[in-house]
C-alpha atoms as a PDB file:
ATOM      1  CA  UNK A   1     -45.397 121.589  44.929  1.00  0.00           C
ATOM      2  CA  UNK A   2     -45.677 120.782  48.732  1.00  0.00           C
ATOM      3  CA  UNK A   3     -43.619 124.049  49.402  1.00  0.00           C
ATOM      4  CA  UNK A   4     -45.835 126.184  47.373  1.00  0.00           C
ATOM      5  CA  UNK A   5     -48.342 124.613  48.939  1.00  0.00           C
ATOM      6  CA  UNK A   6     -47.355 125.805  52.751  1.00  0.00           C
ATOM      7  CA  UNK A   7     -46.305 129.549  51.093  1.00  0.00           C
ATOM      8  CA  UNK A   8     -49.644 129.787  50.168  1.00  0.00           C
ATOM      9  CA  UNK A   9     -51.652 128.559  52.857  1.00  0.00           C
ATOM     10  CA  UNK A  10     -49.483 130.995  54.807  1.00  0.00           C
ATOM     11  CA  UNK A  11     -50.332 133.690  52.963  1.00  0.00           C
ATOM     12  CA  UNK A  12     -54.095 133.121  53.492  1.00  0.00           C
ATOM     13  CA  UNK A  13     -53.385 133.622  56.923  1.00  0.00           C
ATOM     14  CA  UNK A  14     -50.514 136.756  56.970  1.00  0.00           C
ATOM     15  CA  UNK A  15     -50.798 140.323  56.857  1.00  0.00           C
ATOM     16  CA  UNK A  16     -50.028 140.920  53.104  1.00  0.00           C
ATOM     17  CA  UNK A  17     -52.411 142.483  51.242  1.00  0.00           C
ATOM     18  CA  UNK A  18     -55.394 140.485  49.904  1.00  0.00           C
ATOM     19  CA  UNK A  19     -55.039 141.988  46.449  1.00  0.00           C
ATOM     20  CA  UNK A  20     -51.979 141.052  45.887  1.00  0.00           C
ATOM     21  CA  UNK A  21     -53.806 136.873  46.160  1.00  0.00           C
ATOM     22  CA  UNK A  22     -56.487 137.433  44.588  1.00  0.00           C
ATOM     23  CA  UNK A  23     -54.699 138.772  41.479  1.00  0.00           C
ATOM     24  CA  UNK A  24     -52.324 135.735  41.722  1.00  0.00           C
ATOM     25  CA  UNK A  25     -55.090 133.608  41.221  1.00  0.00           C
ATOM     26  CA  UNK A  26     -56.782 136.124  38.003  1.00  0.00           C
ATOM     27  CA  UNK A  27     -53.314 135.537  36.570  1.00  0.00           C
ATOM     28  CA  UNK A  28     -52.795 131.674  37.108  1.00  0.00           C
ATOM     29  CA  UNK A  29     -56.906 131.227  36.094  1.00  0.00           C
ATOM     30  CA  UNK A  30     -55.877 133.024  33.004  1.00  0.00           C
ATOM     31  CA  UNK A  31     -52.152 131.001  32.237  1.00  0.00           C
ATOM     32  CA  UNK A  32     -54.354 127.496  33.286  1.00  0.00           C
ATOM     33  CA  UNK A  33     -56.516 128.392  30.715  1.00  0.00           C
ATOM     34  CA  UNK A  34     -54.228 128.847  27.657  1.00  0.00           C
ATOM     35  CA  UNK A  35     -52.552 126.233  25.856  1.00  0.00           C
ATOM     36  CA  UNK A  36     -49.009 125.491  27.206  1.00  0.00           C
ATOM     37  CA  UNK A  37     -47.508 125.002  23.594  1.00  0.00           C
ATOM     38  CA  UNK A  38     -47.326 128.939  22.442  1.00  0.00           C
ATOM     39  CA  UNK A  39     -44.769 131.769  22.945  1.00  0.00           C
ATOM     40  CA  UNK A  40     -47.695 133.948  24.285  1.00  0.00           C
ATOM     41  CA  UNK A  41     -48.255 131.605  27.121  1.00  0.00           C
ATOM     42  CA  UNK A  42     -44.732 131.918  28.079  1.00  0.00           C
ATOM     43  CA  UNK A  43     -44.043 135.857  27.358  1.00  0.00           C
ATOM     44  CA  UNK A  44     -47.307 135.501  30.238  1.00  0.00           C
ATOM     45  CA  UNK A  45     -45.624 133.215  32.349  1.00  0.00           C
ATOM     46  CA  UNK A  46     -42.392 135.534  32.374  1.00  0.00           C
ATOM     47  CA  UNK A  47     -44.313 139.017  32.698  1.00  0.00           C
ATOM     48  CA  UNK A  48     -46.292 137.873  35.914  1.00  0.00           C
ATOM     49  CA  UNK A  49     -43.513 136.530  37.490  1.00  0.00           C
ATOM     50  CA  UNK A  50     -41.860 140.074  37.403  1.00  0.00           C
ATOM     51  CA  UNK A  51     -45.587 141.620  38.910  1.00  0.00           C
ATOM     52  CA  UNK A  52     -45.417 141.891  42.898  1.00  0.00           C
ATOM     53  CA  UNK A  53     -48.459 138.744  43.338  1.00  0.00           C
ATOM     54  CA  UNK A  54     -48.084 135.858  45.670  1.00  0.00           C
ATOM     55  CA  UNK A  55     -45.889 133.610  43.096  1.00  0.00           C
ATOM     56  CA  UNK A  56     -46.510 130.388  45.131  1.00  0.00           C
ATOM     57  CA  UNK A  57     -50.871 131.450  45.094  1.00  0.00           C
ATOM     58  CA  UNK A  58     -50.280 132.409  41.055  1.00  0.00           C
ATOM     59  CA  UNK A  59     -48.049 128.700  40.624  1.00  0.00           C
ATOM     60  CA  UNK A  60     -50.634 126.523  42.653  1.00  0.00           C
ATOM     61  CA  UNK A  61     -53.414 128.285  40.494  1.00  0.00           C
ATOM     62  CA  UNK A  62     -51.810 127.481  37.407  1.00  0.00           C
ATOM     63  CA  UNK A  63     -50.978 124.075  38.265  1.00  0.00           C
ATOM     64  CA  UNK A  64     -54.633 123.391  39.318  1.00  0.00           C
ATOM     65  CA  UNK A  65     -56.498 125.393  36.297  1.00  0.00           C
ATOM     66  CA  UNK A  66     -54.576 123.310  33.329  1.00  0.00           C
ATOM     67  CA  UNK A  67     -55.833 120.005  34.812  1.00  0.00           C
ATOM     68  CA  UNK A  68     -59.422 121.857  34.239  1.00  0.00           C
ATOM     69  CA  UNK A  69     -59.059 123.776  31.041  1.00  0.00           C
ATOM     70  CA  UNK A  70     -59.016 120.393  28.977  1.00  0.00           C
ATOM     71  CA  UNK A  71     -62.988 120.078  30.029  1.00  0.00           C
ATOM     72  CA  UNK A  72     -63.196 124.072  28.659  1.00  0.00           C
ATOM     73  CA  UNK A  73     -61.511 123.686  25.703  1.00  0.00           C
ATOM     74  CA  UNK A  74     -65.396 123.433  23.056  1.00  0.00           C
ATOM     75  CA  UNK A  75     -66.356 125.900  24.676  1.00  0.00           C
ATOM     76  CA  UNK A  76     -62.947 128.216  24.262  1.00  0.00           C
ATOM     77  CA  UNK A  77     -63.385 126.721  21.024  1.00  0.00           C
ATOM     78  CA  UNK A  78     -66.313 128.460  20.141  1.00  0.00           C
ATOM     79  CA  UNK A  79     -65.513 131.802  21.429  1.00  0.00           C
ATOM     80  CA  UNK A  80     -62.187 131.968  20.061  1.00  0.00           C
ATOM     81  CA  UNK A  81     -63.908 131.351  16.388  1.00  0.00           C
ATOM     82  CA  UNK A  82     -66.170 133.361  17.253  1.00  0.00           C
ATOM     83  CA  UNK A  83     -63.812 136.126  17.905  1.00  0.00           C
ATOM     84  CA  UNK A  84     -61.471 135.608  15.134  1.00  0.00           C
ATOM     85  CA  UNK A  85     -64.270 135.466  12.595  1.00  0.00           C
ATOM     86  CA  UNK A  86     -65.501 138.847  13.529  1.00  0.00           C
ATOM     87  CA  UNK A  87     -65.079 141.020   9.711  1.00  0.00           C
ATOM     88  CA  UNK A  88     -64.335 143.873  11.380  1.00  0.00           C
ATOM     89  CA  UNK A  89     -61.125 142.472  12.481  1.00  0.00           C
ATOM     90  CA  UNK A  90     -59.922 140.417  10.519  1.00  0.00           C
ATOM     91  CA  UNK A  91     -57.754 142.704   8.342  1.00  0.00           C
ATOM     92  CA  UNK A  92     -56.042 143.452  11.829  1.00  0.00           C
ATOM     93  CA  UNK A  93     -55.477 139.492  12.547  1.00  0.00           C
ATOM     94  CA  UNK A  94     -53.848 140.080   9.032  1.00  0.00           C
ATOM     95  CA  UNK A  95     -51.760 142.914   9.927  1.00  0.00           C
ATOM     96  CA  UNK A  96     -50.950 141.617  12.955  1.00  0.00           C
ATOM     97  CA  UNK A  97     -50.161 138.136  11.534  1.00  0.00           C
ATOM     98  CA  UNK A  98     -47.326 139.732   8.995  1.00  0.00           C
ATOM     99  CA  UNK A  99     -45.088 140.869  12.018  1.00  0.00           C
ATOM    100  CA  UNK A 100     -42.252 138.776  12.747  1.00  0.00           C
ATOM    101  CA  UNK A 101     -42.632 136.451  15.511  1.00  0.00           C
ATOM    102  CA  UNK A 102     -46.284 137.282  16.183  1.00  0.00           C
ATOM    103  CA  UNK A 103     -47.476 134.007  14.941  1.00  0.00           C
ATOM    104  CA  UNK A 104     -45.450 131.940  17.461  1.00  0.00           C
ATOM    105  CA  UNK A 105     -47.925 133.170  19.984  1.00  0.00           C
ATOM    106  CA  UNK A 106     -50.723 131.406  18.537  1.00  0.00           C
ATOM    107  CA  UNK A 107     -52.749 133.800  18.777  1.00  0.00           C
ATOM    108  CA  UNK A 108     -54.741 133.158  15.504  1.00  0.00           C
ATOM    109  CA  UNK A 109     -55.614 129.631  17.370  1.00  0.00           C
ATOM    110  CA  UNK A 110     -59.316 129.414  18.341  1.00  0.00           C
ATOM    111  CA  UNK A 111     -58.386 127.992  21.679  1.00  0.00           C
ATOM    112  CA  UNK A 112     -55.990 130.432  22.339  1.00  0.00           C
ATOM    113  CA  UNK A 113     -58.349 133.075  21.601  1.00  0.00           C
ATOM    114  CA  UNK A 114     -61.157 131.968  23.355  1.00  0.00           C
ATOM    115  CA  UNK A 115     -59.142 130.841  26.573  1.00  0.00           C
ATOM    116  CA  UNK A 116     -57.624 134.543  26.584  1.00  0.00           C
ATOM    117  CA  UNK A 117     -60.763 136.350  26.603  1.00  0.00           C
ATOM    118  CA  UNK A 118     -62.680 134.264  28.457  1.00  0.00           C
ATOM    119  CA  UNK A 119     -59.954 134.570  31.078  1.00  0.00           C
ATOM    120  CA  UNK A 120     -60.139 137.896  30.536  1.00  0.00           C
ATOM    121  CA  UNK A 121     -63.364 138.441  30.688  1.00  0.00           C
ATOM    122  CA  UNK A 122     -63.375 137.041  34.243  1.00  0.00           C
ATOM    123  CA  UNK A 123     -60.443 138.678  35.380  1.00  0.00           C
ATOM    124  CA  UNK A 124     -62.434 141.010  37.359  1.00  0.00           C
ATOM    125  CA  UNK A 125     -65.374 139.243  39.065  1.00  0.00           C
ATOM    126  CA  UNK A 126     -62.771 136.825  40.272  1.00  0.00           C
ATOM    127  CA  UNK A 127     -60.421 139.346  41.214  1.00  0.00           C
ATOM    128  CA  UNK A 128     -63.007 140.638  43.341  1.00  0.00           C
ATOM    129  CA  UNK A 129     -64.611 137.225  44.564  1.00  0.00           C
ATOM    130  CA  UNK A 130     -61.137 135.617  45.464  1.00  0.00           C
ATOM    131  CA  UNK A 131     -60.636 139.425  47.784  1.00  0.00           C
ATOM    132  CA  UNK A 132     -63.868 138.846  49.533  1.00  0.00           C
ATOM    133  CA  UNK A 133     -62.644 134.956  50.311  1.00  0.00           C
ATOM    134  CA  UNK A 134     -59.142 135.751  51.228  1.00  0.00           C
ATOM    135  CA  UNK A 135     -61.296 138.647  53.522  1.00  0.00           C
ATOM    136  CA  UNK A 136     -63.556 136.108  55.014  1.00  0.00           C
ATOM    137  CA  UNK A 137     -61.122 133.275  55.598  1.00  0.00           C
ATOM    138  CA  UNK A 138     -58.685 135.946  57.704  1.00  0.00           C
ATOM    139  CA  UNK A 139     -61.772 137.069  59.539  1.00  0.00           C
ATOM    140  CA  UNK A 140     -63.895 134.578  60.274  1.00  0.00           C
ATOM    141  CA  UNK A 141     -62.852 130.973  58.691  1.00  0.00           C
ATOM    142  CA  UNK A 142     -59.098 130.325  60.127  1.00  0.00           C
ATOM    143  CA  UNK A 143     -59.690 131.183  63.664  1.00  0.00           C
ATOM    144  CA  UNK A 144     -62.715 128.673  63.781  1.00  0.00           C
ATOM    145  CA  UNK A 145     -61.491 126.156  61.519  1.00  0.00           C
ATOM    146  CA  UNK A 146     -58.197 126.433  63.440  1.00  0.00           C
ATOM    147  CA  UNK A 147     -59.950 124.901  66.769  1.00  0.00           C
ATOM    148  CA  UNK A 148     -62.187 122.898  64.698  1.00  0.00           C
ATOM    149  CA  UNK A 149     -62.197 118.917  65.660  1.00  0.00           C
ATOM    150  CA  UNK A 150     -61.851 118.121  62.382  1.00  0.00           C
ATOM    151  CA  UNK A 151     -58.452 120.101  61.842  1.00  0.00           C
ATOM    152  CA  UNK A 152     -57.236 118.350  65.291  1.00  0.00           C
ATOM    153  CA  UNK A 153     -58.140 115.051  63.746  1.00  0.00           C
ATOM    154  CA  UNK A 154     -56.421 116.112  60.775  1.00  0.00           C
ATOM    155  CA  UNK A 155     -53.337 117.442  62.312  1.00  0.00           C
ATOM    156  CA  UNK A 156     -52.745 113.584  62.983  1.00  0.00           C
ATOM    157  CA  UNK A 157     -52.206 112.583  60.100  1.00  0.00           C
ATOM    158  CA  UNK A 158     -48.348 112.438  58.355  1.00  0.00           C
ATOM    159  CA  UNK A 159     -49.038 114.377  55.433  1.00  0.00           C
ATOM    160  CA  UNK A 160     -50.414 116.783  57.308  1.00  0.00           C
ATOM    161  CA  UNK A 161     -47.528 116.916  59.907  1.00  0.00           C
ATOM    162  CA  UNK A 162     -45.154 117.459  56.955  1.00  0.00           C
ATOM    163  CA  UNK A 163     -46.837 120.511  56.025  1.00  0.00           C
ATOM    164  CA  UNK A 164     -47.126 121.510  59.399  1.00  0.00           C
ATOM    165  CA  UNK A 165     -43.614 121.354  60.073  1.00  0.00           C
ATOM    166  CA  UNK A 166     -42.864 122.812  56.741  1.00  0.00           C
ATOM    167  CA  UNK A 167     -44.785 125.893  57.674  1.00  0.00           C
ATOM    168  CA  UNK A 168     -42.606 125.967  61.202  1.00  0.00           C
ATOM    169  CA  UNK A 169     -39.454 125.902  59.687  1.00  0.00           C
ATOM    170  CA  UNK A 170     -40.492 128.704  57.021  1.00  0.00           C
ATOM    171  CA  UNK A 171     -41.488 131.338  60.019  1.00  0.00           C
END
């Protein structure tokens, strides 16, 4: 996990495309929100590994959002229940469930459906915000942060020395 964090920090400061980092954050949020006990999660996880995004960012955000997701489960449950009980979609959901192996995705679970719906709705706003944050970090915040007294003090901490050494090794 420490190496992933170092790679994430390097990506924020490198000449990589900010969209790769923004997409990685959005995909990480999507998987972090979703329960991990279904085939849909594993299918999306593997699919996203083949997409050209910043993998360390993707993995770190997925882990962080997984720690926070249980707080949002009541919201996901309410939204998922409302989607799954829409009269016009009842036949569609019934037909989909008859397809072999689709039941393993547990899309008919209200929390799975709600978390997927929320993350899809939030994808574009989060993408735009993250892209702007990466650009802001690179142009304004990173140079000021590197020269600050806080950073000079923090760089003396043993854990941060290890991160800096790992980053230097990977250059």
